Amino acid sequence: MIDPALFDPSAISEEIRAQNADIVAKLAALPDPMSVPPALVRERRRQGLGPFPLMALSPKAKVIEIDGPAGPIPLRIIAPEKPRGVYFHIHGGGWTWGSSDEQDPWLDRLADRCGLAVVSVEYRLAPENPYPAGPDDCEAAALWVIREAESRFGTSRLFIGGESAGAHLSAVTILRLRDRHGLKPFRGANLFAGCYDLDLSPSVRHWGAERLILNTNDVKVFADNFVGHVSDRTNPDVSPLYADLKGLPPALFSVGTKDMLLDDTLFMASRYTAAGNKADLAIWPGGCHVFIRFDSAMSEQALSRIDAFVEAL
């Protein structure tokens, strides 16, 4: 069983306590991001005015476009000279915000330390483009990676991963490749703080109004933006927690104990294992939602665990 000591308040370092308090105070002083148009929030995030600090852009990044189901799909590629694998990355942001260039240091790290060519997809965002637009773009980009990996990067060693909504879309993409195309191409899946139940898991419903990156209403709004028109949010293509999870690649599930999406990871990792798949579960005491966006000793430990997961496969 999971060690209950991980959830004891005494397990939280002073660094993380102070960091969480700073985040809550900062966000409490800002306008409610759900009260303004998504386009304005996206612009504020690009100026460093959102909950996460800006991350430096990689000088190694190149952007190409591929054909998608509704027009061109941009792909942001960061690759070492001789890749030893390809990592298909899907960014987070509640299916509403975020972009492929907001986390270049993580992608640089995978390129430098793990020898991976990282391909990050710029999928269509809700509410302007609700479900199934985002998943459709991710599926098309994943099929491109599978087709092109050997010729472009000289390797067929493939991984997939993402954070928050990106972890959700990664899980959906894995399932679509299996069910629609008969493909199981990935050696591993790196799923960080995903939202796998868009009907809202207990930890989301019970969180309340405090905004430690997110609060209950934020996730409700994100889900409504994405699948407000969908009558059954337990459809596995919407909520992968409810899918048949057999025959999927080894996965690393990571989440902080102060992440309101905690249950999503605990439930998904359990169902994933019960389906006969290999799953590692990394629980980080006091970690807020996608805490690796903030510098800390724990963030470095979590990123190093991701490196080790990839290197072992």
C-alpha atoms as a PDB file:
ATOM      1  CA  MET A   1       0.000   0.000   0.000  1.00  0.00           C
ATOM      2  CA  ILE A   2       0.937   3.655  -0.303  1.00  0.00           C
ATOM      3  CA  ASP A   3       2.936   4.867   2.686  1.00  0.00           C
ATOM      4  CA  PRO A   4       0.626   7.110   4.771  1.00  0.00           C
ATOM      5  CA  ALA A   5       3.676   8.972   6.062  1.00  0.00           C
ATOM      6  CA  LEU A   6       3.862  10.707   2.669  1.00  0.00           C
ATOM      7  CA  PHE A   7       0.624  12.505   3.506  1.00  0.00           C
ATOM      8  CA  ASP A   8       1.606  13.538   7.026  1.00  0.00           C
ATOM      9  CA  PRO A   9       2.035  17.328   7.295  1.00  0.00           C
ATOM     10  CA  SER A  10       5.394  16.718   8.960  1.00  0.00           C
ATOM     11  CA  ALA A  11       6.681  15.258   5.676  1.00  0.00           C
ATOM     12  CA  ILE A  12       6.418  18.651   3.955  1.00  0.00           C
ATOM     13  CA  SER A  13       9.696  20.565   3.874  1.00  0.00           C
ATOM     14  CA  GLU A  14       9.900  24.153   5.038  1.00  0.00           C
ATOM     15  CA  GLU A  15      10.882  25.143   1.502  1.00  0.00           C
ATOM     16  CA  ILE A  16       7.676  23.693   0.066  1.00  0.00           C
ATOM     17  CA  ARG A  17       5.512  25.132   2.877  1.00  0.00           C
ATOM     18  CA  ALA A  18       6.843  28.611   2.159  1.00  0.00           C
ATOM     19  CA  GLN A  19       6.510  28.139  -1.590  1.00  0.00           C
ATOM     20  CA  ASN A  20       2.871  27.059  -1.304  1.00  0.00           C
ATOM     21  CA  ALA A  21       2.043  29.996   0.962  1.00  0.00           C
ATOM     22  CA  ASP A  22       3.607  32.391  -1.538  1.00  0.00           C
ATOM     23  CA  ILE A  23       1.577  30.881  -4.392  1.00  0.00           C
ATOM     24  CA  VAL A  24      -1.718  31.165  -2.502  1.00  0.00           C
ATOM     25  CA  ALA A  25      -0.974  34.773  -1.500  1.00  0.00           C
ATOM     26  CA  LYS A  26       0.023  35.767  -5.024  1.00  0.00           C
ATOM     27  CA  LEU A  27      -3.044  34.255  -6.650  1.00  0.00           C
ATOM     28  CA  ALA A  28      -5.398  35.667  -4.027  1.00  0.00           C
ATOM     29  CA  ALA A  29      -4.197  39.146  -4.973  1.00  0.00           C
ATOM     30  CA  LEU A  30      -4.823  38.631  -8.702  1.00  0.00           C
ATOM     31  CA  PRO A  31      -8.154  38.802 -10.557  1.00  0.00           C
ATOM     32  CA  ASP A  32     -10.045  35.529 -10.842  1.00  0.00           C
ATOM     33  CA  PRO A  33      -8.706  34.049 -14.100  1.00  0.00           C
ATOM     34  CA  MET A  34     -12.104  32.480 -14.742  1.00  0.00           C
ATOM     35  CA  SER A  35     -13.737  35.930 -14.851  1.00  0.00           C
ATOM     36  CA  VAL A  36     -11.860  37.095 -17.971  1.00  0.00           C
ATOM     37  CA  PRO A  37     -11.678  35.730 -21.537  1.00  0.00           C
ATOM     38  CA  PRO A  38      -9.279  32.812 -22.057  1.00  0.00           C
ATOM     39  CA  ALA A  39      -7.346  34.768 -24.695  1.00  0.00           C
ATOM     40  CA  LEU A  40      -6.483  37.436 -22.113  1.00  0.00           C
ATOM     41  CA  VAL A  41      -5.311  34.820 -19.591  1.00  0.00           C
ATOM     42  CA  ARG A  42      -3.131  33.235 -22.264  1.00  0.00           C
ATOM     43  CA  GLU A  43      -1.499  36.587 -22.942  1.00  0.00           C
ATOM     44  CA  ARG A  44      -0.960  37.251 -19.227  1.00  0.00           C
ATOM     45  CA  ARG A  45       0.674  33.848 -18.826  1.00  0.00           C
ATOM     46  CA  ARG A  46       3.063  34.660 -21.661  1.00  0.00           C
ATOM     47  CA  GLN A  47       4.031  37.815 -19.748  1.00  0.00           C
ATOM     48  CA  GLY A  48       4.684  35.874 -16.543  1.00  0.00           C
ATOM     49  CA  LEU A  49       1.557  37.217 -14.817  1.00  0.00           C
ATOM     50  CA  GLY A  50      -0.064  33.845 -14.145  1.00  0.00           C
ATOM     51  CA  PRO A  51       0.582  31.350 -11.359  1.00  0.00           C
ATOM     52  CA  PHE A  52       3.736  29.927 -12.938  1.00  0.00           C
ATOM     53  CA  PRO A  53       7.054  31.746 -13.470  1.00  0.00           C
ATOM     54  CA  LEU A  54       8.186  32.148 -17.039  1.00  0.00           C
ATOM     55  CA  MET A  55      10.578  29.512 -18.329  1.00  0.00           C
ATOM     56  CA  ALA A  56      13.368  30.436 -20.759  1.00  0.00           C
ATOM     57  CA  LEU A  57      12.943  29.584 -24.419  1.00  0.00           C
ATOM     58  CA  SER A  58      15.355  27.050 -25.863  1.00  0.00           C
ATOM     59  CA  PRO A  59      17.718  28.312 -28.547  1.00  0.00           C
ATOM     60  CA  LYS A  60      17.680  24.775 -29.965  1.00  0.00           C
ATOM     61  CA  ALA A  61      13.932  24.681 -30.625  1.00  0.00           C
ATOM     62  CA  LYS A  62      12.610  24.503 -34.164  1.00  0.00           C
ATOM     63  CA  VAL A  63       8.980  24.622 -35.253  1.00  0.00           C
ATOM     64  CA  ILE A  64       7.540  22.734 -38.200  1.00  0.00           C
ATOM     65  CA  GLU A  65       3.969  22.226 -39.338  1.00  0.00           C
ATOM     66  CA  ILE A  66       2.248  18.991 -40.259  1.00  0.00           C
ATOM     67  CA  ASP A  67      -1.150  18.302 -41.750  1.00  0.00           C
ATOM     68  CA  GLY A  68      -3.910  17.951 -39.177  1.00  0.00           C
ATOM     69  CA  PRO A  69      -7.614  17.122 -39.220  1.00  0.00           C
ATOM     70  CA  ALA A  70      -8.575  20.817 -39.334  1.00  0.00           C
ATOM     71  CA  GLY A  71      -5.471  22.436 -40.805  1.00  0.00           C
ATOM     72  CA  PRO A  72      -1.767  22.684 -39.997  1.00  0.00           C
ATOM     73  CA  ILE A  73      -0.523  21.555 -36.560  1.00  0.00           C
ATOM     74  CA  PRO A  74       2.687  23.210 -35.285  1.00  0.00           C
ATOM     75  CA  LEU A  75       5.252  20.909 -33.670  1.00  0.00           C
ATOM     76  CA  ARG A  76       8.066  22.314 -31.527  1.00  0.00           C
ATOM     77  CA  ILE A  77      11.160  20.112 -31.780  1.00  0.00           C
ATOM     78  CA  ILE A  78      14.194  20.119 -29.501  1.00  0.00           C
ATOM     79  CA  ALA A  79      16.665  17.421 -30.493  1.00  0.00           C
ATOM     80  CA  PRO A  80      20.237  16.411 -29.677  1.00  0.00           C
ATOM     81  CA  GLU A  81      22.641  15.732 -32.516  1.00  0.00           C
ATOM     82  CA  LYS A  82      22.186  11.957 -32.289  1.00  0.00           C
ATOM     83  CA  PRO A  83      18.896  11.109 -30.545  1.00  0.00           C
ATOM     84  CA  ARG A  84      18.548   7.857 -28.651  1.00  0.00           C
ATOM     85  CA  GLY A  85      14.778   8.143 -28.596  1.00  0.00           C
ATOM     86  CA  VAL A  86      11.832  10.427 -29.267  1.00  0.00           C
ATOM     87  CA  TYR A  87       9.577  11.947 -26.590  1.00  0.00           C
ATOM     88  CA  PHE A  88       6.140  13.059 -27.763  1.00  0.00           C
ATOM     89  CA  HIS A  89       5.123  15.836 -25.374  1.00  0.00           C
ATOM     90  CA  ILE A  90       1.665  17.320 -24.733  1.00  0.00           C
ATOM     91  CA  HIS A  91       1.505  20.546 -22.713  1.00  0.00           C
ATOM     92  CA  GLY A  92      -0.959  21.344 -19.946  1.00  0.00           C
ATOM     93  CA  GLY A  93      -3.238  24.292 -19.228  1.00  0.00           C
ATOM     94  CA  GLY A  94      -6.709  22.912 -18.609  1.00  0.00           C
ATOM     95  CA  TRP A  95      -7.309  22.278 -22.346  1.00  0.00           C
ATOM     96  CA  THR A  96      -7.800  26.072 -22.410  1.00  0.00           C
ATOM     97  CA  TRP A  97      -4.404  27.712 -21.836  1.00  0.00           C
ATOM     98  CA  GLY A  98      -0.770  26.773 -22.319  1.00  0.00           C
ATOM     99  CA  SER A  99       1.455  26.317 -25.333  1.00  0.00           C
ATOM    100  CA  SER A 100       4.243  24.093 -26.605  1.00  0.00           C
ATOM    101  CA  ASP A 101       6.941  26.673 -25.758  1.00  0.00           C
ATOM    102  CA  GLU A 102       6.110  27.216 -22.078  1.00  0.00           C
ATOM    103  CA  GLN A 103       8.288  24.415 -20.692  1.00  0.00           C
ATOM    104  CA  ASP A 104      11.425  24.403 -22.845  1.00  0.00           C
ATOM    105  CA  PRO A 105      13.833  23.800 -19.909  1.00  0.00           C
ATOM    106  CA  TRP A 106      12.140  20.454 -19.175  1.00  0.00           C
ATOM    107  CA  LEU A 107      12.333  19.498 -22.830  1.00  0.00           C
ATOM    108  CA  ASP A 108      15.954  20.666 -23.072  1.00  0.00           C
ATOM    109  CA  ARG A 109      16.698  18.493 -20.047  1.00  0.00           C
ATOM    110  CA  LEU A 110      15.229  15.389 -21.697  1.00  0.00           C
ATOM    111  CA  ALA A 111      17.241  16.129 -24.823  1.00  0.00           C
ATOM    112  CA  ASP A 112      20.502  16.744 -22.944  1.00  0.00           C
ATOM    113  CA  ARG A 113      20.314  14.126 -20.190  1.00  0.00           C
ATOM    114  CA  CYS A 114      18.302  11.368 -21.836  1.00  0.00           C
ATOM    115  CA  GLY A 115      19.263  11.868 -25.470  1.00  0.00           C
ATOM    116  CA  LEU A 116      15.664  12.317 -26.590  1.00  0.00           C
ATOM    117  CA  ALA A 117      14.359  14.308 -29.518  1.00  0.00           C
ATOM    118  CA  VAL A 118      11.360  16.064 -27.989  1.00  0.00           C
ATOM    119  CA  VAL A 119       8.341  16.830 -30.167  1.00  0.00           C
ATOM    120  CA  SER A 120       5.773  19.057 -28.429  1.00  0.00           C
ATOM    121  CA  VAL A 121       2.407  19.488 -30.137  1.00  0.00           C
ATOM    122  CA  GLU A 122       0.522  22.799 -30.367  1.00  0.00           C
ATOM    123  CA  TYR A 123      -2.988  21.389 -30.256  1.00  0.00           C
ATOM    124  CA  ARG A 124      -6.195  23.413 -30.596  1.00  0.00           C
ATOM    125  CA  LEU A 125      -7.538  24.845 -27.343  1.00  0.00           C
ATOM    126  CA  ALA A 126     -11.002  25.104 -25.837  1.00  0.00           C
ATOM    127  CA  PRO A 127     -13.452  26.790 -25.555  1.00  0.00           C
ATOM    128  CA  GLU A 128     -12.881  28.012 -29.106  1.00  0.00           C
ATOM    129  CA  ASN A 129     -12.116  24.441 -30.171  1.00  0.00           C
ATOM    130  CA  PRO A 130     -13.791  22.029 -27.731  1.00  0.00           C
ATOM    131  CA  TYR A 131     -13.575  18.228 -27.677  1.00  0.00           C
ATOM    132  CA  PRO A 132     -12.626  16.391 -29.824  1.00  0.00           C
ATOM    133  CA  ALA A 133     -10.378  19.029 -31.437  1.00  0.00           C
ATOM    134  CA  GLY A 134      -7.453  18.778 -28.993  1.00  0.00           C
ATOM    135  CA  PRO A 135      -7.398  14.979 -28.837  1.00  0.00           C
ATOM    136  CA  ASP A 136      -7.728  14.794 -32.622  1.00  0.00           C
ATOM    137  CA  ASP A 137      -4.652  16.996 -33.060  1.00  0.00           C
ATOM    138  CA  CYS A 138      -2.674  14.963 -30.519  1.00  0.00           C
ATOM    139  CA  GLU A 139      -3.630  11.723 -32.271  1.00  0.00           C
ATOM    140  CA  ALA A 140      -2.562  13.113 -35.657  1.00  0.00           C
ATOM    141  CA  ALA A 141       0.740  14.372 -34.245  1.00  0.00           C
ATOM    142  CA  ALA A 142       1.423  11.040 -32.530  1.00  0.00           C
ATOM    143  CA  LEU A 143       0.852   9.192 -35.805  1.00  0.00           C
ATOM    144  CA  TRP A 144       3.304  11.582 -37.471  1.00  0.00           C
ATOM    145  CA  VAL A 145       5.924  10.843 -34.796  1.00  0.00           C
ATOM    146  CA  ILE A 146       5.458   7.108 -35.272  1.00  0.00           C
ATOM    147  CA  ARG A 147       5.834   7.433 -39.063  1.00  0.00           C
ATOM    148  CA  GLU A 148       8.739   9.868 -39.048  1.00  0.00           C
ATOM    149  CA  ALA A 149      10.826   8.893 -36.011  1.00  0.00           C
ATOM    150  CA  GLU A 150      13.176   6.515 -37.807  1.00  0.00           C
ATOM    151  CA  SER A 151      13.785   8.662 -40.875  1.00  0.00           C
ATOM    152  CA  ARG A 152      14.055  12.026 -39.075  1.00  0.00           C
ATOM    153  CA  PHE A 153      15.667  11.048 -35.800  1.00  0.00           C
ATOM    154  CA  GLY A 154      17.226   7.659 -36.515  1.00  0.00           C
ATOM    155  CA  THR A 155      15.377   5.841 -33.741  1.00  0.00           C
ATOM    156  CA  SER A 156      12.114   4.027 -33.081  1.00  0.00           C
ATOM    157  CA  ARG A 157      12.471   4.201 -29.266  1.00  0.00           C
ATOM    158  CA  LEU A 158       9.387   6.258 -28.435  1.00  0.00           C
ATOM    159  CA  PHE A 159       7.970   7.828 -25.265  1.00  0.00           C
ATOM    160  CA  ILE A 160       4.948   9.988 -24.511  1.00  0.00           C
ATOM    161  CA  GLY A 161       4.171  12.354 -21.674  1.00  0.00           C
ATOM    162  CA  GLY A 162       2.659  15.547 -20.406  1.00  0.00           C
ATOM    163  CA  GLU A 163       1.512  17.523 -17.400  1.00  0.00           C
ATOM    164  CA  SER A 164      -2.019  18.160 -16.114  1.00  0.00           C
ATOM    165  CA  ALA A 165      -4.281  18.326 -19.186  1.00  0.00           C
ATOM    166  CA  GLY A 166      -1.259  17.120 -21.138  1.00  0.00           C
ATOM    167  CA  ALA A 167      -1.124  13.954 -19.038  1.00  0.00           C
ATOM    168  CA  HIS A 168      -4.848  13.449 -19.703  1.00  0.00           C
ATOM    169  CA  LEU A 169      -4.329  13.924 -23.448  1.00  0.00           C
ATOM    170  CA  SER A 170      -1.338  11.574 -23.356  1.00  0.00           C
ATOM    171  CA  ALA A 171      -3.512   8.847 -21.847  1.00  0.00           C
ATOM    172  CA  VAL A 172      -6.259   9.505 -24.400  1.00  0.00           C
ATOM    173  CA  THR A 173      -3.712   9.358 -27.218  1.00  0.00           C
ATOM    174  CA  ILE A 174      -2.271   6.039 -26.023  1.00  0.00           C
ATOM    175  CA  LEU A 175      -5.777   4.578 -25.942  1.00  0.00           C
ATOM    176  CA  ARG A 176      -6.699   5.957 -29.368  1.00  0.00           C
ATOM    177  CA  LEU A 177      -3.563   4.507 -30.927  1.00  0.00           C
ATOM    178  CA  ARG A 178      -4.366   1.105 -29.433  1.00  0.00           C
ATOM    179  CA  ASP A 179      -8.081   1.085 -30.211  1.00  0.00           C
ATOM    180  CA  ARG A 180      -8.246   2.944 -33.528  1.00  0.00           C
ATOM    181  CA  HIS A 181      -4.960   1.958 -35.138  1.00  0.00           C
ATOM    182  CA  GLY A 182      -3.828  -1.236 -33.409  1.00  0.00           C
ATOM    183  CA  LEU A 183      -0.623   0.512 -32.354  1.00  0.00           C
ATOM    184  CA  LYS A 184       1.327   0.232 -29.104  1.00  0.00           C
ATOM    185  CA  PRO A 185       4.421   2.253 -30.042  1.00  0.00           C
ATOM    186  CA  PHE A 186       5.586   3.750 -26.741  1.00  0.00           C
ATOM    187  CA  ARG A 187       8.150   2.279 -24.361  1.00  0.00           C
ATOM    188  CA  GLY A 188       6.938   4.455 -21.537  1.00  0.00           C
ATOM    189  CA  ALA A 189       4.489   7.180 -20.508  1.00  0.00           C
ATOM    190  CA  ASN A 190       5.409  10.038 -18.178  1.00  0.00           C
ATOM    191  CA  LEU A 191       2.114  11.251 -16.693  1.00  0.00           C
ATOM    192  CA  PHE A 192       2.463  14.177 -14.297  1.00  0.00           C
ATOM    193  CA  ALA A 193      -0.528  15.420 -12.269  1.00  0.00           C
ATOM    194  CA  GLY A 194      -3.137  14.419 -14.821  1.00  0.00           C
ATOM    195  CA  CYS A 195      -6.886  14.970 -14.759  1.00  0.00           C
ATOM    196  CA  TYR A 196      -8.290  11.597 -15.759  1.00  0.00           C
ATOM    197  CA  ASP A 197     -11.917  11.983 -14.607  1.00  0.00           C
ATOM    198  CA  LEU A 198     -13.730  14.937 -16.187  1.00  0.00           C
ATOM    199  CA  ASP A 199     -16.782  14.066 -14.114  1.00  0.00           C
ATOM    200  CA  LEU A 200     -14.481  15.334 -11.302  1.00  0.00           C
ATOM    201  CA  SER A 201     -12.814  13.074  -8.761  1.00  0.00           C
ATOM    202  CA  PRO A 202     -13.488  13.440  -4.999  1.00  0.00           C
ATOM    203  CA  SER A 203     -10.305  15.405  -4.332  1.00  0.00           C
ATOM    204  CA  VAL A 204     -11.390  17.997  -6.915  1.00  0.00           C
ATOM    205  CA  ARG A 205     -14.949  18.217  -5.611  1.00  0.00           C
ATOM    206  CA  HIS A 206     -13.851  18.559  -1.980  1.00  0.00           C
ATOM    207  CA  TRP A 207     -10.983  21.027  -2.452  1.00  0.00           C
ATOM    208  CA  GLY A 208     -12.910  24.287  -2.212  1.00  0.00           C
ATOM    209  CA  ALA A 209     -12.026  27.876  -3.061  1.00  0.00           C
ATOM    210  CA  GLU A 210      -8.366  28.169  -2.060  1.00  0.00           C
ATOM    211  CA  ARG A 211      -6.311  28.576  -5.221  1.00  0.00           C
ATOM    212  CA  LEU A 212      -3.065  26.661  -4.807  1.00  0.00           C
ATOM    213  CA  ILE A 213      -2.582  26.923  -8.581  1.00  0.00           C
ATOM    214  CA  LEU A 214      -6.137  25.589  -9.014  1.00  0.00           C
ATOM    215  CA  ASN A 215      -9.368  25.373  -7.059  1.00  0.00           C
ATOM    216  CA  THR A 216     -12.582  23.411  -7.515  1.00  0.00           C
ATOM    217  CA  ASN A 217     -14.296  26.020  -9.679  1.00  0.00           C
ATOM    218  CA  ASP A 218     -11.267  26.317 -11.958  1.00  0.00           C
ATOM    219  CA  VAL A 219     -11.379  22.634 -12.846  1.00  0.00           C
ATOM    220  CA  LYS A 220     -15.156  22.790 -13.334  1.00  0.00           C
ATOM    221  CA  VAL A 221     -14.729  25.667 -15.779  1.00  0.00           C
ATOM    222  CA  PHE A 222     -11.892  23.927 -17.607  1.00  0.00           C
ATOM    223  CA  ALA A 223     -13.968  20.769 -17.975  1.00  0.00           C
ATOM    224  CA  ASP A 224     -16.980  22.773 -19.171  1.00  0.00           C
ATOM    225  CA  ASN A 225     -14.805  24.581 -21.716  1.00  0.00           C
ATOM    226  CA  PHE A 226     -13.553  21.283 -23.052  1.00  0.00           C
ATOM    227  CA  VAL A 227     -16.521  18.914 -22.831  1.00  0.00           C
ATOM    228  CA  GLY A 228     -19.499  21.048 -21.787  1.00  0.00           C
ATOM    229  CA  HIS A 229     -21.429  19.731 -24.774  1.00  0.00           C
ATOM    230  CA  VAL A 230     -20.725  16.059 -23.954  1.00  0.00           C
ATOM    231  CA  SER A 231     -23.595  14.320 -22.165  1.00  0.00           C
ATOM    232  CA  ASP A 232     -21.537  11.465 -20.701  1.00  0.00           C
ATOM    233  CA  ARG A 233     -18.228  12.577 -19.225  1.00  0.00           C
ATOM    234  CA  THR A 234     -17.406   8.995 -18.261  1.00  0.00           C
ATOM    235  CA  ASN A 235     -16.877   8.197 -21.947  1.00  0.00           C
ATOM    236  CA  PRO A 236     -13.350   6.696 -21.946  1.00  0.00           C
ATOM    237  CA  ASP A 237     -12.286   9.025 -24.772  1.00  0.00           C
ATOM    238  CA  VAL A 238     -13.160  11.921 -22.447  1.00  0.00           C
ATOM    239  CA  SER A 239     -12.178  10.406 -19.092  1.00  0.00           C
ATOM    240  CA  PRO A 240      -9.510   7.713 -19.524  1.00  0.00           C
ATOM    241  CA  LEU A 241      -9.987   6.591 -15.910  1.00  0.00           C
ATOM    242  CA  TYR A 242     -13.041   4.688 -17.192  1.00  0.00           C
ATOM    243  CA  ALA A 243     -11.256   2.997 -20.107  1.00  0.00           C
ATOM    244  CA  ASP A 244     -10.142  -0.587 -20.548  1.00  0.00           C
ATOM    245  CA  LEU A 245      -6.490  -0.038 -19.649  1.00  0.00           C
ATOM    246  CA  LYS A 246      -5.082  -3.408 -20.659  1.00  0.00           C
ATOM    247  CA  GLY A 247      -1.947  -3.645 -22.760  1.00  0.00           C
ATOM    248  CA  LEU A 248      -0.538  -0.168 -22.153  1.00  0.00           C
ATOM    249  CA  PRO A 249       3.131   0.853 -21.760  1.00  0.00           C
ATOM    250  CA  PRO A 250       4.963   1.216 -18.456  1.00  0.00           C
ATOM    251  CA  ALA A 251       3.995   4.525 -16.859  1.00  0.00           C
ATOM    252  CA  LEU A 252       5.348   6.869 -14.228  1.00  0.00           C
ATOM    253  CA  PHE A 253       2.507   8.625 -12.407  1.00  0.00           C
ATOM    254  CA  SER A 254       3.632  11.669 -10.391  1.00  0.00           C
ATOM    255  CA  VAL A 255       1.609  13.945  -8.114  1.00  0.00           C
ATOM    256  CA  GLY A 256       2.026  16.151  -5.065  1.00  0.00           C
ATOM    257  CA  THR A 257      -0.004  15.584  -1.915  1.00  0.00           C
ATOM    258  CA  LYS A 258      -1.274  19.186  -2.066  1.00  0.00           C
ATOM    259  CA  ASP A 259      -2.471  18.813  -5.646  1.00  0.00           C
ATOM    260  CA  MET A 260      -6.248  18.985  -5.864  1.00  0.00           C
ATOM    261  CA  LEU A 261      -6.046  16.383  -8.656  1.00  0.00           C
ATOM    262  CA  LEU A 262      -4.451  13.894  -6.249  1.00  0.00           C
ATOM    263  CA  ASP A 263      -7.257  11.337  -6.544  1.00  0.00           C
ATOM    264  CA  ASP A 264      -7.014  11.309 -10.334  1.00  0.00           C
ATOM    265  CA  THR A 265      -3.441  10.036 -10.145  1.00  0.00           C
ATOM    266  CA  LEU A 266      -4.070   7.623  -7.260  1.00  0.00           C
ATOM    267  CA  PHE A 267      -7.125   6.126  -8.990  1.00  0.00           C
ATOM    268  CA  MET A 268      -5.545   5.988 -12.448  1.00  0.00           C
ATOM    269  CA  ALA A 269      -2.320   4.403 -11.218  1.00  0.00           C
ATOM    270  CA  SER A 270      -4.324   1.766  -9.329  1.00  0.00           C
ATOM    271  CA  ARG A 271      -6.523   0.903 -12.304  1.00  0.00           C
ATOM    272  CA  TYR A 272      -3.478   0.916 -14.578  1.00  0.00           C
ATOM    273  CA  THR A 273      -1.733  -1.626 -12.379  1.00  0.00           C
ATOM    274  CA  ALA A 274      -4.882  -3.727 -11.944  1.00  0.00           C
ATOM    275  CA  ALA A 275      -5.075  -3.977 -15.740  1.00  0.00           C
ATOM    276  CA  GLY A 276      -1.696  -5.717 -15.719  1.00  0.00           C
ATOM    277  CA  ASN A 277       0.495  -2.801 -16.715  1.00  0.00           C
ATOM    278  CA  LYS A 278       3.728  -1.734 -15.024  1.00  0.00           C
ATOM    279  CA  ALA A 279       3.255   1.520 -13.139  1.00  0.00           C
ATOM    280  CA  ASP A 280       5.490   3.546 -10.840  1.00  0.00           C
ATOM    281  CA  LEU A 281       3.788   5.996  -8.493  1.00  0.00           C
ATOM    282  CA  ALA A 282       5.739   9.023  -7.267  1.00  0.00           C
ATOM    283  CA  ILE A 283       3.984  10.925  -4.469  1.00  0.00           C
ATOM    284  CA  TRP A 284       5.643  14.170  -3.414  1.00  0.00           C
ATOM    285  CA  PRO A 285       4.852  15.586   0.063  1.00  0.00           C
ATOM    286  CA  GLY A 286       3.303  19.030  -0.123  1.00  0.00           C
ATOM    287  CA  GLY A 287       3.657  19.366  -3.867  1.00  0.00           C
ATOM    288  CA  CYS A 288       1.091  21.684  -5.451  1.00  0.00           C
ATOM    289  CA  HIS A 289      -0.303  21.173  -8.939  1.00  0.00           C
ATOM    290  CA  VAL A 290       2.615  20.703 -11.374  1.00  0.00           C
ATOM    291  CA  PHE A 291       5.019  21.852  -8.657  1.00  0.00           C
ATOM    292  CA  ILE A 292       7.983  21.218 -10.939  1.00  0.00           C
ATOM    293  CA  ARG A 293       7.285  24.631 -12.474  1.00  0.00           C
ATOM    294  CA  PHE A 294       8.853  26.097  -9.309  1.00  0.00           C
ATOM    295  CA  ASP A 295      12.493  25.685  -8.362  1.00  0.00           C
ATOM    296  CA  SER A 296      12.984  23.540  -5.262  1.00  0.00           C
ATOM    297  CA  ALA A 297      14.962  20.555  -4.060  1.00  0.00           C
ATOM    298  CA  MET A 298      11.810  18.468  -4.488  1.00  0.00           C
ATOM    299  CA  SER A 299      11.340  19.635  -8.083  1.00  0.00           C
ATOM    300  CA  GLU A 300      14.856  18.480  -8.890  1.00  0.00           C
ATOM    301  CA  GLN A 301      14.139  15.110  -7.260  1.00  0.00           C
ATOM    302  CA  ALA A 302      10.933  14.723  -9.281  1.00  0.00           C
ATOM    303  CA  LEU A 303      12.637  15.646 -12.554  1.00  0.00           C
ATOM    304  CA  SER A 304      15.504  13.272 -11.776  1.00  0.00           C
ATOM    305  CA  ARG A 305      12.987  10.487 -11.202  1.00  0.00           C
ATOM    306  CA  ILE A 306      11.533  11.178 -14.632  1.00  0.00           C
ATOM    307  CA  ASP A 307      15.036  11.018 -16.138  1.00  0.00           C
ATOM    308  CA  ALA A 308      15.662   7.680 -14.431  1.00  0.00           C
ATOM    309  CA  PHE A 309      12.297   6.284 -15.591  1.00  0.00           C
ATOM    310  CA  VAL A 310      13.123   7.107 -19.213  1.00  0.00           C
ATOM    311  CA  GLU A 311      16.697   5.852 -19.023  1.00  0.00           C
ATOM    312  CA  ALA A 312      15.565   2.471 -17.651  1.00  0.00           C
ATOM    313  CA  LEU A 313      13.362   1.697 -20.664  1.00  0.00           C
END
